[in-house]
């Protein structure tokens, strides 16, 4: 997993919970990196999970809620850092449908070893988009936080639901995004 995911996560923790909390979760979750992350490094997914679980224990906020909050937080970073992904995009649905087709392809060009989730999407109608999330990392709540932030960015009020599919492990999840008026 790319280091930027770790460094931005720790920035969010410091901003929302304070430096003492960052220090506490790093102390609890020390791995091979000893809690030192660089934005260009590559680290094990398990290290991020350990940080999130430690943060949940420290703050009494559930892991899904923390993942969602991190998705919302990171979306703003993406908008600032990668404005080209948002230019000339007419709607939130257009943006979301292009995650696999355009954005993830560009991310892999920048970071060839990036392991990204996969999405299939289709429109039920002009106000209902279905996305199927596939990932061994089981971080759909993070993705839903990104979608929530996208709805704010595109000034689109939505109803967002998820349904775990397949073997119920969280590797495959249906996300229904409905525009509300």
C-alpha atoms as a PDB file:
ATOM      1  CA  UNK A   1       0.000   0.000   0.000  1.00  0.00           C
ATOM      2  CA  UNK A   2       1.392   3.392  -0.963  1.00  0.00           C
ATOM      3  CA  UNK A   3       2.861   5.537   1.785  1.00  0.00           C
ATOM      4  CA  UNK A   4       0.675   8.522   0.969  1.00  0.00           C
ATOM      5  CA  UNK A   5      -2.265   6.539   2.376  1.00  0.00           C
ATOM      6  CA  UNK A   6      -0.386   6.223   5.690  1.00  0.00           C
ATOM      7  CA  UNK A   7       0.949   9.772   5.873  1.00  0.00           C
ATOM      8  CA  UNK A   8      -2.429  11.310   5.089  1.00  0.00           C
ATOM      9  CA  UNK A   9      -4.132   8.990   7.582  1.00  0.00           C
ATOM     10  CA  UNK A  10      -1.784  10.171  10.331  1.00  0.00           C
ATOM     11  CA  UNK A  11      -2.396  13.798   9.282  1.00  0.00           C
ATOM     12  CA  UNK A  12      -6.147  13.209   9.630  1.00  0.00           C
ATOM     13  CA  UNK A  13      -5.695  11.613  13.059  1.00  0.00           C
ATOM     14  CA  UNK A  14      -3.614  14.557  14.253  1.00  0.00           C
ATOM     15  CA  UNK A  15      -6.115  17.071  12.874  1.00  0.00           C
ATOM     16  CA  UNK A  16      -9.179  15.355  14.360  1.00  0.00           C
ATOM     17  CA  UNK A  17      -7.823  13.760  17.548  1.00  0.00           C
ATOM     18  CA  UNK A  18      -4.507  15.476  18.327  1.00  0.00           C
ATOM     19  CA  UNK A  19      -0.854  14.572  18.238  1.00  0.00           C
ATOM     20  CA  UNK A  20      -1.080  12.596  21.483  1.00  0.00           C
ATOM     21  CA  UNK A  21      -3.471  10.194  19.753  1.00  0.00           C
ATOM     22  CA  UNK A  22      -1.104   9.818  16.784  1.00  0.00           C
ATOM     23  CA  UNK A  23       1.698   9.002  19.187  1.00  0.00           C
ATOM     24  CA  UNK A  24      -0.472   6.511  21.095  1.00  0.00           C
ATOM     25  CA  UNK A  25      -1.611   4.588  18.015  1.00  0.00           C
ATOM     26  CA  UNK A  26       1.911   4.500  16.577  1.00  0.00           C
ATOM     27  CA  UNK A  27       3.188   3.161  19.880  1.00  0.00           C
ATOM     28  CA  UNK A  28       0.519   0.417  19.930  1.00  0.00           C
ATOM     29  CA  UNK A  29       0.913  -0.480  16.247  1.00  0.00           C
ATOM     30  CA  UNK A  30       4.672  -0.509  15.747  1.00  0.00           C
ATOM     31  CA  UNK A  31       5.737  -2.833  12.964  1.00  0.00           C
ATOM     32  CA  UNK A  32       8.870  -3.059  10.836  1.00  0.00           C
ATOM     33  CA  UNK A  33       8.686   0.639   9.985  1.00  0.00           C
ATOM     34  CA  UNK A  34       8.576   1.691  13.650  1.00  0.00           C
ATOM     35  CA  UNK A  35       5.794   4.085  12.714  1.00  0.00           C
ATOM     36  CA  UNK A  36       7.916   6.014  10.221  1.00  0.00           C
ATOM     37  CA  UNK A  37       6.175   6.415   6.868  1.00  0.00           C
ATOM     38  CA  UNK A  38       7.072   8.351   3.754  1.00  0.00           C
ATOM     39  CA  UNK A  39       4.536   9.293   1.102  1.00  0.00           C
ATOM     40  CA  UNK A  40       6.531   7.490  -1.625  1.00  0.00           C
ATOM     41  CA  UNK A  41       7.203   4.309   0.337  1.00  0.00           C
ATOM     42  CA  UNK A  42       5.265   1.055   0.080  1.00  0.00           C
ATOM     43  CA  UNK A  43       3.977  -0.643   3.225  1.00  0.00           C
ATOM     44  CA  UNK A  44       1.912  -3.648   4.202  1.00  0.00           C
ATOM     45  CA  UNK A  45      -1.857  -3.248   4.284  1.00  0.00           C
ATOM     46  CA  UNK A  46      -1.797  -4.942   7.695  1.00  0.00           C
ATOM     47  CA  UNK A  47       0.055  -1.934   9.113  1.00  0.00           C
ATOM     48  CA  UNK A  48      -2.776   0.419   8.130  1.00  0.00           C
ATOM     49  CA  UNK A  49      -5.300  -1.995   9.606  1.00  0.00           C
ATOM     50  CA  UNK A  50      -3.313  -2.046  12.861  1.00  0.00           C
ATOM     51  CA  UNK A  51      -3.291   1.761  12.961  1.00  0.00           C
ATOM     52  CA  UNK A  52      -7.041   1.954  12.344  1.00  0.00           C
ATOM     53  CA  UNK A  53      -7.818  -0.691  14.962  1.00  0.00           C
ATOM     54  CA  UNK A  54      -5.576   1.114  17.473  1.00  0.00           C
ATOM     55  CA  UNK A  55      -7.319   4.399  16.669  1.00  0.00           C
ATOM     56  CA  UNK A  56     -10.691   2.740  17.189  1.00  0.00           C
ATOM     57  CA  UNK A  57      -9.597   1.413  20.580  1.00  0.00           C
ATOM     58  CA  UNK A  58      -8.152   4.800  21.552  1.00  0.00           C
ATOM     59  CA  UNK A  59     -11.156   6.899  20.451  1.00  0.00           C
ATOM     60  CA  UNK A  60     -14.029   4.386  20.841  1.00  0.00           C
ATOM     61  CA  UNK A  61     -15.073   5.208  17.243  1.00  0.00           C
ATOM     62  CA  UNK A  62     -15.903   2.104  15.190  1.00  0.00           C
ATOM     63  CA  UNK A  63     -13.511   0.928  12.465  1.00  0.00           C
ATOM     64  CA  UNK A  64     -16.166   1.378   9.709  1.00  0.00           C
ATOM     65  CA  UNK A  65     -16.835   4.946  10.899  1.00  0.00           C
ATOM     66  CA  UNK A  66     -13.101   5.730  10.941  1.00  0.00           C
ATOM     67  CA  UNK A  67     -12.647   4.295   7.443  1.00  0.00           C
ATOM     68  CA  UNK A  68     -15.589   6.376   6.202  1.00  0.00           C
ATOM     69  CA  UNK A  69     -14.177   9.528   7.821  1.00  0.00           C
ATOM     70  CA  UNK A  70     -10.792   8.840   6.254  1.00  0.00           C
ATOM     71  CA  UNK A  71     -12.390   8.475   2.816  1.00  0.00           C
ATOM     72  CA  UNK A  72     -14.100  11.845   3.241  1.00  0.00           C
ATOM     73  CA  UNK A  73     -10.825  13.412   4.418  1.00  0.00           C
ATOM     74  CA  UNK A  74      -8.697  11.927   1.620  1.00  0.00           C
ATOM     75  CA  UNK A  75     -11.094  13.026  -1.110  1.00  0.00           C
ATOM     76  CA  UNK A  76     -10.271  16.675  -0.351  1.00  0.00           C
ATOM     77  CA  UNK A  77      -6.562  15.839  -0.664  1.00  0.00           C
ATOM     78  CA  UNK A  78      -7.210  14.182  -4.045  1.00  0.00           C
ATOM     79  CA  UNK A  79      -9.120  17.238  -5.305  1.00  0.00           C
ATOM     80  CA  UNK A  80      -6.195  19.510  -4.367  1.00  0.00           C
ATOM     81  CA  UNK A  81      -3.420  17.175  -5.523  1.00  0.00           C
ATOM     82  CA  UNK A  82      -4.986  15.803  -8.714  1.00  0.00           C
ATOM     83  CA  UNK A  83      -7.294  18.481 -10.133  1.00  0.00           C
ATOM     84  CA  UNK A  84      -7.026  16.936 -13.612  1.00  0.00           C
ATOM     85  CA  UNK A  85      -9.277  14.078 -12.455  1.00  0.00           C
ATOM     86  CA  UNK A  86     -12.072  16.531 -11.677  1.00  0.00           C
ATOM     87  CA  UNK A  87     -11.806  18.973 -14.556  1.00  0.00           C
ATOM     88  CA  UNK A  88     -14.449  18.700 -17.258  1.00  0.00           C
ATOM     89  CA  UNK A  89     -16.454  16.162 -15.246  1.00  0.00           C
ATOM     90  CA  UNK A  90     -20.125  17.057 -15.469  1.00  0.00           C
ATOM     91  CA  UNK A  91     -21.627  14.965 -12.682  1.00  0.00           C
ATOM     92  CA  UNK A  92     -20.845  12.788  -9.714  1.00  0.00           C
ATOM     93  CA  UNK A  93     -22.052   9.706 -11.606  1.00  0.00           C
ATOM     94  CA  UNK A  94     -19.721  10.513 -14.526  1.00  0.00           C
ATOM     95  CA  UNK A  95     -16.860  10.855 -12.065  1.00  0.00           C
ATOM     96  CA  UNK A  96     -17.615   7.589 -10.259  1.00  0.00           C
ATOM     97  CA  UNK A  97     -18.049   5.645 -13.498  1.00  0.00           C
ATOM     98  CA  UNK A  98     -14.557   6.722 -14.547  1.00  0.00           C
ATOM     99  CA  UNK A  99     -12.722   5.504 -11.458  1.00  0.00           C
ATOM    100  CA  UNK A 100     -11.628   2.203 -13.025  1.00  0.00           C
ATOM    101  CA  UNK A 101     -11.621   3.374 -16.638  1.00  0.00           C
ATOM    102  CA  UNK A 102      -9.521   6.484 -16.144  1.00  0.00           C
ATOM    103  CA  UNK A 103      -8.391   7.357 -12.622  1.00  0.00           C
ATOM    104  CA  UNK A 104      -7.042   3.967 -11.548  1.00  0.00           C
ATOM    105  CA  UNK A 105      -5.204   3.606 -14.882  1.00  0.00           C
ATOM    106  CA  UNK A 106      -3.470   6.929 -14.240  1.00  0.00           C
ATOM    107  CA  UNK A 107      -2.654   5.950 -10.648  1.00  0.00           C
ATOM    108  CA  UNK A 108      -0.988   2.750 -11.873  1.00  0.00           C
ATOM    109  CA  UNK A 109       1.122   4.829 -14.283  1.00  0.00           C
ATOM    110  CA  UNK A 110       2.344   6.903 -11.326  1.00  0.00           C
ATOM    111  CA  UNK A 111       2.638   3.948  -8.935  1.00  0.00           C
ATOM    112  CA  UNK A 112       3.100   0.706 -10.924  1.00  0.00           C
ATOM    113  CA  UNK A 113       3.006  -1.446  -7.777  1.00  0.00           C
ATOM    114  CA  UNK A 114      -0.254   0.079  -6.477  1.00  0.00           C
ATOM    115  CA  UNK A 115      -2.885  -2.496  -5.540  1.00  0.00           C
ATOM    116  CA  UNK A 116      -6.224  -0.851  -6.184  1.00  0.00           C
ATOM    117  CA  UNK A 117      -9.767  -2.058  -5.693  1.00  0.00           C
ATOM    118  CA  UNK A 118     -11.790  -2.783  -8.812  1.00  0.00           C
ATOM    119  CA  UNK A 119     -15.214  -1.348  -9.563  1.00  0.00           C
ATOM    120  CA  UNK A 120     -17.917  -2.281 -12.013  1.00  0.00           C
ATOM    121  CA  UNK A 121     -20.655   0.289 -12.382  1.00  0.00           C
ATOM    122  CA  UNK A 122     -23.915   0.673 -14.214  1.00  0.00           C
ATOM    123  CA  UNK A 123     -26.849   3.025 -14.067  1.00  0.00           C
ATOM    124  CA  UNK A 124     -30.206   1.648 -13.080  1.00  0.00           C
ATOM    125  CA  UNK A 125     -31.594   5.001 -14.269  1.00  0.00           C
ATOM    126  CA  UNK A 126     -30.506   8.657 -14.340  1.00  0.00           C
ATOM    127  CA  UNK A 127     -30.771   8.877 -10.513  1.00  0.00           C
ATOM    128  CA  UNK A 128     -29.450   5.480  -9.466  1.00  0.00           C
ATOM    129  CA  UNK A 129     -25.888   4.243  -9.954  1.00  0.00           C
ATOM    130  CA  UNK A 130     -24.783   0.785  -8.840  1.00  0.00           C
ATOM    131  CA  UNK A 131     -21.119   0.122  -8.157  1.00  0.00           C
ATOM    132  CA  UNK A 132     -19.737  -3.311  -7.346  1.00  0.00           C
ATOM    133  CA  UNK A 133     -16.585  -3.087  -5.217  1.00  0.00           C
ATOM    134  CA  UNK A 134     -13.998  -5.872  -5.423  1.00  0.00           C
ATOM    135  CA  UNK A 135     -10.990  -5.935  -3.098  1.00  0.00           C
ATOM    136  CA  UNK A 136      -9.196  -8.360  -0.822  1.00  0.00           C
ATOM    137  CA  UNK A 137      -8.597  -5.445   1.556  1.00  0.00           C
ATOM    138  CA  UNK A 138     -12.234  -5.125   2.633  1.00  0.00           C
ATOM    139  CA  UNK A 139     -12.179  -1.329   2.862  1.00  0.00           C
ATOM    140  CA  UNK A 140     -15.546  -0.553   1.321  1.00  0.00           C
ATOM    141  CA  UNK A 141     -16.332   1.929   4.103  1.00  0.00           C
ATOM    142  CA  UNK A 142     -13.309   3.950   2.999  1.00  0.00           C
ATOM    143  CA  UNK A 143     -14.705   3.917  -0.554  1.00  0.00           C
ATOM    144  CA  UNK A 144     -18.103   4.988   0.723  1.00  0.00           C
ATOM    145  CA  UNK A 145     -16.435   7.925   2.472  1.00  0.00           C
ATOM    146  CA  UNK A 146     -14.891   8.913  -0.858  1.00  0.00           C
ATOM    147  CA  UNK A 147     -18.337   8.672  -2.490  1.00  0.00           C
ATOM    148  CA  UNK A 148     -19.881  10.787   0.276  1.00  0.00           C
ATOM    149  CA  UNK A 149     -17.237  13.460  -0.282  1.00  0.00           C
ATOM    150  CA  UNK A 150     -17.767  13.261  -4.055  1.00  0.00           C
ATOM    151  CA  UNK A 151     -21.465  13.952  -3.527  1.00  0.00           C
ATOM    152  CA  UNK A 152     -20.535  17.101  -1.595  1.00  0.00           C
ATOM    153  CA  UNK A 153     -17.976  18.117  -4.210  1.00  0.00           C
ATOM    154  CA  UNK A 154     -20.492  17.740  -7.037  1.00  0.00           C
ATOM    155  CA  UNK A 155     -23.292  19.269  -4.919  1.00  0.00           C
ATOM    156  CA  UNK A 156     -25.428  16.160  -5.276  1.00  0.00           C
ATOM    157  CA  UNK A 157     -27.554  14.929  -2.382  1.00  0.00           C
ATOM    158  CA  UNK A 158     -27.500  11.130  -2.240  1.00  0.00           C
ATOM    159  CA  UNK A 159     -28.732   8.093  -0.386  1.00  0.00           C
ATOM    160  CA  UNK A 160     -25.907   5.559  -0.079  1.00  0.00           C
ATOM    161  CA  UNK A 161     -26.325   1.900   0.840  1.00  0.00           C
ATOM    162  CA  UNK A 162     -24.113  -1.165   0.733  1.00  0.00           C
ATOM    163  CA  UNK A 163     -24.892  -4.842   0.448  1.00  0.00           C
ATOM    164  CA  UNK A 164     -22.172  -7.439   1.018  1.00  0.00           C
ATOM    165  CA  UNK A 165     -22.257 -10.043  -1.769  1.00  0.00           C
ATOM    166  CA  UNK A 166     -20.718 -13.444  -2.414  1.00  0.00           C
ATOM    167  CA  UNK A 167     -19.297 -15.214   0.606  1.00  0.00           C
ATOM    168  CA  UNK A 168     -20.066 -12.220   2.883  1.00  0.00           C
ATOM    169  CA  UNK A 169     -16.351 -11.622   3.554  1.00  0.00           C
ATOM    170  CA  UNK A 170     -16.470  -8.025   2.322  1.00  0.00           C
ATOM    171  CA  UNK A 171     -14.375  -8.738  -0.766  1.00  0.00           C
ATOM    172  CA  UNK A 172     -17.375  -8.021  -3.000  1.00  0.00           C
ATOM    173  CA  UNK A 173     -19.891  -5.330  -2.091  1.00  0.00           C
ATOM    174  CA  UNK A 174     -22.738  -3.694  -3.979  1.00  0.00           C
ATOM    175  CA  UNK A 175     -22.997   0.062  -3.438  1.00  0.00           C
ATOM    176  CA  UNK A 176     -26.257   1.754  -4.405  1.00  0.00           C
ATOM    177  CA  UNK A 177     -26.056   5.490  -4.943  1.00  0.00           C
ATOM    178  CA  UNK A 178     -29.383   7.235  -5.396  1.00  0.00           C
ATOM    179  CA  UNK A 179     -29.777  10.943  -6.057  1.00  0.00           C
ATOM    180  CA  UNK A 180     -32.341  12.540  -3.777  1.00  0.00           C
ATOM    181  CA  UNK A 181     -34.079  15.775  -4.620  1.00  0.00           C
END
